[in-house]
Amino acid sequence: MRGVKRVVAVFAVLIVALIVLAFVLENQQDVSLSFLGQSTRQMPVSVFVVVALIVGMLIGPLLSVVVGRRRLVAK
């Protein structure tokens, strides 16, 4: 059973990697983002989206840990 789970996990990672690769290859238009008067240099739109995805994947679990600790302290 452990071997089947490992194969399914590897298959899922490969599928996600192929989807990300297809996304990056399809979104090569150069854009510049502006926020509060600051702007970035021209980069492919896929770079901005992938960076936003990674930042969200880091912030989400950190926030859940903070909220979980607050609930434990409040009890």
PDB file of N, CA and C in Angstrom:
ATOM      1  N   MET A   1       0.823  -1.195   0.000  1.00  0.00           N
ATOM      2  CA  MET A   1       0.000   0.000   0.000  1.00  0.00           C
ATOM      3  C   MET A   1       0.864   1.256   0.000  1.00  0.00           C
ATOM      4  N   ARG A   2       1.990   1.204   0.706  1.00  0.00           N
ATOM      5  CA  ARG A   2       2.885   2.357   0.765  1.00  0.00           C
ATOM      6  C   ARG A   2       3.443   2.677  -0.619  1.00  0.00           C
ATOM      7  N   GLY A   3       3.739   1.641  -1.403  1.00  0.00           N
ATOM      8  CA  GLY A   3       4.261   1.835  -2.756  1.00  0.00           C
ATOM      9  C   GLY A   3       3.251   2.507  -3.669  1.00  0.00           C
ATOM     10  N   VAL A   4       1.982   2.143  -3.516  1.00  0.00           N
ATOM     11  CA  VAL A   4       0.928   2.744  -4.326  1.00  0.00           C
ATOM     12  C   VAL A   4       0.787   4.230  -3.992  1.00  0.00           C
ATOM     13  N   LYS A   5       0.845   4.571  -2.718  1.00  0.00           N
ATOM     14  CA  LYS A   5       0.752   5.978  -2.308  1.00  0.00           C
ATOM     15  C   LYS A   5       1.909   6.781  -2.873  1.00  0.00           C
ATOM     16  N   ARG A   6       3.088   6.181  -2.860  1.00  0.00           N
ATOM     17  CA  ARG A   6       4.268   6.870  -3.384  1.00  0.00           C
ATOM     18  C   ARG A   6       4.129   7.114  -4.892  1.00  0.00           C
ATOM     19  N   VAL A   7       3.641   6.122  -5.617  1.00  0.00           N
ATOM     20  CA  VAL A   7       3.449   6.267  -7.062  1.00  0.00           C
ATOM     21  C   VAL A   7       2.410   7.340  -7.349  1.00  0.00           C
ATOM     22  N   VAL A   8       1.319   7.355  -6.598  1.00  0.00           N
ATOM     23  CA  VAL A   8       0.279   8.368  -6.787  1.00  0.00           C
ATOM     24  C   VAL A   8       0.828   9.759  -6.472  1.00  0.00           C
ATOM     25  N   ALA A   9       1.635   9.885  -5.418  1.00  0.00           N
ATOM     26  CA  ALA A   9       2.218  11.175  -5.062  1.00  0.00           C
ATOM     27  C   ALA A   9       3.171  11.667  -6.148  1.00  0.00           C
ATOM     28  N   VAL A  10       4.013  10.785  -6.661  1.00  0.00           N
ATOM     29  CA  VAL A  10       4.936  11.165  -7.729  1.00  0.00           C
ATOM     30  C   VAL A  10       4.158  11.571  -8.979  1.00  0.00           C
ATOM     31  N   PHE A  11       3.118  10.837  -9.300  1.00  0.00           N
ATOM     32  CA  PHE A  11       2.287  11.153 -10.459  1.00  0.00           C
ATOM     33  C   PHE A  11       1.618  12.519 -10.284  1.00  0.00           C
ATOM     34  N   ALA A  12       1.127  12.808  -9.095  1.00  0.00           N
ATOM     35  CA  ALA A  12       0.479  14.096  -8.836  1.00  0.00           C
ATOM     36  C   ALA A  12       1.480  15.244  -8.960  1.00  0.00           C
ATOM     37  N   VAL A  13       2.694  15.055  -8.445  1.00  0.00           N
ATOM     38  CA  VAL A  13       3.725  16.091  -8.552  1.00  0.00           C
ATOM     39  C   VAL A  13       4.097  16.321 -10.014  1.00  0.00           C
ATOM     40  N   LEU A  14       4.197  15.257 -10.792  1.00  0.00           N
ATOM     41  CA  LEU A  14       4.511  15.403 -12.212  1.00  0.00           C
ATOM     42  C   LEU A  14       3.411  16.157 -12.952  1.00  0.00           C
ATOM     43  N   ILE A  15       2.166  15.876 -12.635  1.00  0.00           N
ATOM     44  CA  ILE A  15       1.042  16.574 -13.268  1.00  0.00           C
ATOM     45  C   ILE A  15       1.091  18.061 -12.945  1.00  0.00           C
ATOM     46  N   VAL A  16       1.322  18.387 -11.671  1.00  0.00           N
ATOM     47  CA  VAL A  16       1.402  19.805 -11.265  1.00  0.00           C
ATOM     48  C   VAL A  16       2.577  20.478 -11.962  1.00  0.00           C
ATOM     49  N   ALA A  17       3.716  19.808 -12.042  1.00  0.00           N
ATOM     50  CA  ALA A  17       4.890  20.379 -12.707  1.00  0.00           C
ATOM     51  C   ALA A  17       4.608  20.642 -14.188  1.00  0.00           C
ATOM     52  N   LEU A  18       3.919  19.732 -14.848  1.00  0.00           N
ATOM     53  CA  LEU A  18       3.572  19.931 -16.256  1.00  0.00           C
ATOM     54  C   LEU A  18       2.596  21.088 -16.435  1.00  0.00           C
ATOM     55  N   ILE A  19       1.659  21.241 -15.513  1.00  0.00           N
ATOM     56  CA  ILE A  19       0.706  22.351 -15.587  1.00  0.00           C
ATOM     57  C   ILE A  19       1.437  23.675 -15.402  1.00  0.00           C
ATOM     58  N   VAL A  20       2.339  23.735 -14.442  1.00  0.00           N
ATOM     59  CA  VAL A  20       3.113  24.965 -14.215  1.00  0.00           C
ATOM     60  C   VAL A  20       3.985  25.271 -15.429  1.00  0.00           C
ATOM     61  N   LEU A  21       4.616  24.258 -15.998  1.00  0.00           N
ATOM     62  CA  LEU A  21       5.438  24.452 -17.186  1.00  0.00           C
ATOM     63  C   LEU A  21       4.611  24.984 -18.350  1.00  0.00           C
ATOM     64  N   ALA A  22       3.435  24.415 -18.571  1.00  0.00           N
ATOM     65  CA  ALA A  22       2.554  24.894 -19.643  1.00  0.00           C
ATOM     66  C   ALA A  22       2.130  26.329 -19.385  1.00  0.00           C
ATOM     67  N   PHE A  23       1.833  26.663 -18.139  1.00  0.00           N
ATOM     68  CA  PHE A  23       1.441  28.032 -17.794  1.00  0.00           C
ATOM     69  C   PHE A  23       2.570  29.012 -18.096  1.00  0.00           C
ATOM     70  N   VAL A  24       3.780  28.661 -17.697  1.00  0.00           N
ATOM     71  CA  VAL A  24       4.927  29.543 -17.915  1.00  0.00           C
ATOM     72  C   VAL A  24       5.190  29.723 -19.413  1.00  0.00           C
ATOM     73  N   LEU A  25       5.097  28.645 -20.166  1.00  0.00           N
ATOM     74  CA  LEU A  25       5.355  28.741 -21.596  1.00  0.00           C
ATOM     75  C   LEU A  25       4.277  29.549 -22.332  1.00  0.00           C
ATOM     76  N   GLU A  26       3.057  29.526 -21.833  1.00  0.00           N
ATOM     77  CA  GLU A  26       1.962  30.267 -22.473  1.00  0.00           C
ATOM     78  C   GLU A  26       1.913  31.733 -22.077  1.00  0.00           C
ATOM     79  N   ASN A  27       2.575  32.131 -21.004  1.00  0.00           N
ATOM     80  CA  ASN A  27       2.484  33.499 -20.502  1.00  0.00           C
ATOM     81  C   ASN A  27       3.858  34.165 -20.510  1.00  0.00           C
ATOM     82  N   GLN A  28       4.371  34.414 -21.682  1.00  0.00           N
ATOM     83  CA  GLN A  28       5.691  35.014 -21.838  1.00  0.00           C
ATOM     84  C   GLN A  28       5.634  36.508 -22.174  1.00  0.00           C
ATOM     85  N   GLN A  29       4.441  37.126 -22.150  1.00  0.00           N
ATOM     86  CA  GLN A  29       4.341  38.546 -22.439  1.00  0.00           C
ATOM     87  C   GLN A  29       5.007  39.338 -21.322  1.00  0.00           C
ATOM     88  N   ASP A  30       5.776  40.347 -21.687  1.00  0.00           N
ATOM     89  CA  ASP A  30       6.427  41.181 -20.683  1.00  0.00           C
ATOM     90  C   ASP A  30       5.460  42.221 -20.146  1.00  0.00           C
ATOM     91  N   VAL A  31       5.447  42.371 -18.828  1.00  0.00           N
ATOM     92  CA  VAL A  31       4.612  43.371 -18.169  1.00  0.00           C
ATOM     93  C   VAL A  31       5.432  44.049 -17.074  1.00  0.00           C
ATOM     94  N   SER A  32       4.951  45.199 -16.661  1.00  0.00           N
ATOM     95  CA  SER A  32       5.548  45.918 -15.546  1.00  0.00           C
ATOM     96  C   SER A  32       4.431  46.225 -14.569  1.00  0.00           C
ATOM     97  N   LEU A  33       4.626  45.887 -13.300  1.00  0.00           N
ATOM     98  CA  LEU A  33       3.613  46.141 -12.285  1.00  0.00           C
ATOM     99  C   LEU A  33       3.900  47.458 -11.579  1.00  0.00           C
ATOM    100  N   SER A  34       2.829  48.196 -11.254  1.00  0.00           N
ATOM    101  CA  SER A  34       2.953  49.445 -10.498  1.00  0.00           C
ATOM    102  C   SER A  34       2.105  49.341  -9.246  1.00  0.00           C
ATOM    103  N   PHE A  35       2.678  49.793  -8.106  1.00  0.00           N
ATOM    104  CA  PHE A  35       1.950  49.784  -6.849  1.00  0.00           C
ATOM    105  C   PHE A  35       2.485  50.910  -5.981  1.00  0.00           C
ATOM    106  N   LEU A  36       1.610  51.816  -5.574  1.00  0.00           N
ATOM    107  CA  LEU A  36       1.953  52.956  -4.729  1.00  0.00           C
ATOM    108  C   LEU A  36       3.129  53.765  -5.292  1.00  0.00           C
ATOM    109  N   GLY A  37       3.092  53.985  -6.585  1.00  0.00           N
ATOM    110  CA  GLY A  37       4.112  54.796  -7.219  1.00  0.00           C
ATOM    111  C   GLY A  37       5.390  54.060  -7.570  1.00  0.00           C
ATOM    112  N   GLN A  38       5.543  52.833  -7.129  1.00  0.00           N
ATOM    113  CA  GLN A  38       6.726  52.031  -7.441  1.00  0.00           C
ATOM    114  C   GLN A  38       6.379  51.093  -8.590  1.00  0.00           C
ATOM    115  N   SER A  39       7.313  50.893  -9.496  1.00  0.00           N
ATOM    116  CA  SER A  39       7.057  49.958 -10.591  1.00  0.00           C
ATOM    117  C   SER A  39       8.240  49.004 -10.738  1.00  0.00           C
ATOM    118  N   THR A  40       7.939  47.843 -11.255  1.00  0.00           N
ATOM    119  CA  THR A  40       8.964  46.825 -11.461  1.00  0.00           C
ATOM    120  C   THR A  40       9.495  46.935 -12.883  1.00  0.00           C
ATOM    121  N   ARG A  41      10.572  46.241 -13.140  1.00  0.00           N
ATOM    122  CA  ARG A  41      11.072  46.202 -14.509  1.00  0.00           C
ATOM    123  C   ARG A  41      10.217  45.227 -15.310  1.00  0.00           C
ATOM    124  N   GLN A  42      10.361  45.247 -16.606  1.00  0.00           N
ATOM    125  CA  GLN A  42       9.596  44.371 -17.482  1.00  0.00           C
ATOM    126  C   GLN A  42      10.025  42.917 -17.277  1.00  0.00           C
ATOM    127  N   MET A  43       9.062  42.060 -16.939  1.00  0.00           N
ATOM    128  CA  MET A  43       9.303  40.623 -16.782  1.00  0.00           C
ATOM    129  C   MET A  43       8.089  39.877 -17.309  1.00  0.00           C
ATOM    130  N   PRO A  44       8.246  38.606 -17.644  1.00  0.00           N
ATOM    131  CA  PRO A  44       7.083  37.834 -18.094  1.00  0.00           C
ATOM    132  C   PRO A  44       6.015  37.761 -16.995  1.00  0.00           C
ATOM    133  N   VAL A  45       4.759  37.784 -17.407  1.00  0.00           N
ATOM    134  CA  VAL A  45       3.649  37.759 -16.448  1.00  0.00           C
ATOM    135  C   VAL A  45       3.679  36.484 -15.612  1.00  0.00           C
ATOM    136  N   SER A  46       4.182  35.403 -16.160  1.00  0.00           N
ATOM    137  CA  SER A  46       4.234  34.147 -15.409  1.00  0.00           C
ATOM    138  C   SER A  46       5.149  34.263 -14.191  1.00  0.00           C
ATOM    139  N   VAL A  47       6.180  35.085 -14.250  1.00  0.00           N
ATOM    140  CA  VAL A  47       7.071  35.263 -13.103  1.00  0.00           C
ATOM    141  C   VAL A  47       6.300  35.866 -11.936  1.00  0.00           C
ATOM    142  N   PHE A  48       5.505  36.900 -12.215  1.00  0.00           N
ATOM    143  CA  PHE A  48       4.737  37.547 -11.164  1.00  0.00           C
ATOM    144  C   PHE A  48       3.704  36.593 -10.557  1.00  0.00           C
ATOM    145  N   VAL A  49       3.062  35.809 -11.390  1.00  0.00           N
ATOM    146  CA  VAL A  49       2.032  34.900 -10.895  1.00  0.00           C
ATOM    147  C   VAL A  49       2.652  33.774 -10.066  1.00  0.00           C
ATOM    148  N   VAL A  50       3.760  33.219 -10.511  1.00  0.00           N
ATOM    149  CA  VAL A  50       4.412  32.145  -9.764  1.00  0.00           C
ATOM    150  C   VAL A  50       4.961  32.677  -8.439  1.00  0.00           C
ATOM    151  N   VAL A  51       5.526  33.885  -8.431  1.00  0.00           N
ATOM    152  CA  VAL A  51       6.005  34.474  -7.177  1.00  0.00           C
ATOM    153  C   VAL A  51       4.832  34.692  -6.218  1.00  0.00           C
ATOM    154  N   ALA A  52       3.704  35.177  -6.736  1.00  0.00           N
ATOM    155  CA  ALA A  52       2.527  35.368  -5.890  1.00  0.00           C
ATOM    156  C   ALA A  52       2.037  34.030  -5.337  1.00  0.00           C
ATOM    157  N   LEU A  53       2.090  32.987  -6.128  1.00  0.00           N
ATOM    158  CA  LEU A  53       1.698  31.648  -5.666  1.00  0.00           C
ATOM    159  C   LEU A  53       2.609  31.176  -4.533  1.00  0.00           C
ATOM    160  N   ILE A  54       3.901  31.342  -4.699  1.00  0.00           N
ATOM    161  CA  ILE A  54       4.846  30.893  -3.676  1.00  0.00           C
ATOM    162  C   ILE A  54       4.677  31.690  -2.390  1.00  0.00           C
ATOM    163  N   VAL A  55       4.513  33.009  -2.515  1.00  0.00           N
ATOM    164  CA  VAL A  55       4.313  33.838  -1.322  1.00  0.00           C
ATOM    165  C   VAL A  55       3.034  33.416  -0.600  1.00  0.00           C
ATOM    166  N   GLY A  56       1.976  33.167  -1.342  1.00  0.00           N
ATOM    167  CA  GLY A  56       0.729  32.714  -0.736  1.00  0.00           C
ATOM    168  C   GLY A  56       0.866  31.359  -0.061  1.00  0.00           C
ATOM    169  N   MET A  57       1.658  30.468  -0.661  1.00  0.00           N
ATOM    170  CA  MET A  57       1.862  29.161  -0.063  1.00  0.00           C
ATOM    171  C   MET A  57       2.689  29.250   1.212  1.00  0.00           C
ATOM    172  N   LEU A  58       3.494  30.290   1.353  1.00  0.00           N
ATOM    173  CA  LEU A  58       4.267  30.487   2.586  1.00  0.00           C
ATOM    174  C   LEU A  58       3.445  31.201   3.653  1.00  0.00           C
ATOM    175  N   ILE A  59       2.690  32.207   3.259  1.00  0.00           N
ATOM    176  CA  ILE A  59       1.924  32.999   4.224  1.00  0.00           C
ATOM    177  C   ILE A  59       0.729  32.220   4.776  1.00  0.00           C
ATOM    178  N   GLY A  60       0.063  31.434   3.968  1.00  0.00           N
ATOM    179  CA  GLY A  60      -1.111  30.683   4.406  1.00  0.00           C
ATOM    180  C   GLY A  60      -0.848  29.793   5.618  1.00  0.00           C
ATOM    181  N   PRO A  61       0.132  28.902   5.530  1.00  0.00           N
ATOM    182  CA  PRO A  61       0.424  28.056   6.699  1.00  0.00           C
ATOM    183  C   PRO A  61       0.897  28.848   7.915  1.00  0.00           C
ATOM    184  N   LEU A  62       1.662  29.919   7.699  1.00  0.00           N
ATOM    185  CA  LEU A  62       2.109  30.734   8.827  1.00  0.00           C
ATOM    186  C   LEU A  62       0.921  31.371   9.540  1.00  0.00           C
ATOM    187  N   LEU A  63      -0.038  31.871   8.790  1.00  0.00           N
ATOM    188  CA  LEU A  63      -1.229  32.446   9.406  1.00  0.00           C
ATOM    189  C   LEU A  63      -2.050  31.401  10.151  1.00  0.00           C
ATOM    190  N   SER A  64      -2.135  30.202   9.601  1.00  0.00           N
ATOM    191  CA  SER A  64      -2.896  29.163  10.293  1.00  0.00           C
ATOM    192  C   SER A  64      -2.220  28.775  11.608  1.00  0.00           C
ATOM    193  N   VAL A  65      -0.897  28.799  11.660  1.00  0.00           N
ATOM    194  CA  VAL A  65      -0.192  28.509  12.909  1.00  0.00           C
ATOM    195  C   VAL A  65      -0.475  29.603  13.930  1.00  0.00           C
ATOM    196  N   VAL A  66      -0.433  30.862  13.505  1.00  0.00           N
ATOM    197  CA  VAL A  66      -0.694  31.979  14.418  1.00  0.00           C
ATOM    198  C   VAL A  66      -2.114  31.914  14.956  1.00  0.00           C
ATOM    199  N   VAL A  67      -3.083  31.675  14.085  1.00  0.00           N
ATOM    200  CA  VAL A  67      -4.476  31.588  14.518  1.00  0.00           C
ATOM    201  C   VAL A  67      -4.675  30.378  15.432  1.00  0.00           C
ATOM    202  N   GLY A  68      -4.042  29.264  15.124  1.00  0.00           N
ATOM    203  CA  GLY A  68      -4.147  28.074  15.969  1.00  0.00           C
ATOM    204  C   GLY A  68      -3.595  28.308  17.362  1.00  0.00           C
ATOM    205  N   ARG A  69      -2.488  29.022  17.452  1.00  0.00           N
ATOM    206  CA  ARG A  69      -1.909  29.325  18.774  1.00  0.00           C
ATOM    207  C   ARG A  69      -2.808  30.259  19.558  1.00  0.00           C
ATOM    208  N   ARG A  70      -3.418  31.222  18.886  1.00  0.00           N
ATOM    209  CA  ARG A  70      -4.332  32.129  19.583  1.00  0.00           C
ATOM    210  C   ARG A  70      -5.525  31.371  20.149  1.00  0.00           C
ATOM    211  N   ARG A  71      -6.018  30.403  19.394  1.00  0.00           N
ATOM    212  CA  ARG A  71      -7.165  29.619  19.889  1.00  0.00           C
ATOM    213  C   ARG A  71      -6.774  28.783  21.086  1.00  0.00           C
ATOM    214  N   LEU A  72      -5.563  28.245  21.090  1.00  0.00           N
ATOM    215  CA  LEU A  72      -5.107  27.451  22.234  1.00  0.00           C
ATOM    216  C   LEU A  72      -4.919  28.323  23.467  1.00  0.00           C
ATOM    217  N   VAL A  73      -4.406  29.534  23.284  1.00  0.00           N
ATOM    218  CA  VAL A  73      -4.196  30.447  24.407  1.00  0.00           C
ATOM    219  C   VAL A  73      -5.532  30.926  24.956  1.00  0.00           C
ATOM    220  N   ALA A  74      -6.513  31.125  24.087  1.00  0.00           N
ATOM    221  CA  ALA A  74      -7.821  31.643  24.504  1.00  0.00           C
ATOM    222  C   ALA A  74      -8.611  30.605  25.295  1.00  0.00           C
ATOM    223  N   LYS A  75      -8.328  29.338  25.137  1.00  0.00           N
ATOM    224  CA  LYS A  75      -9.094  28.296  25.826  1.00  0.00           C
ATOM    225  C   LYS A  75      -8.707  28.155  27.233  1.00  0.00           C
TER     226      LYS A  75
END
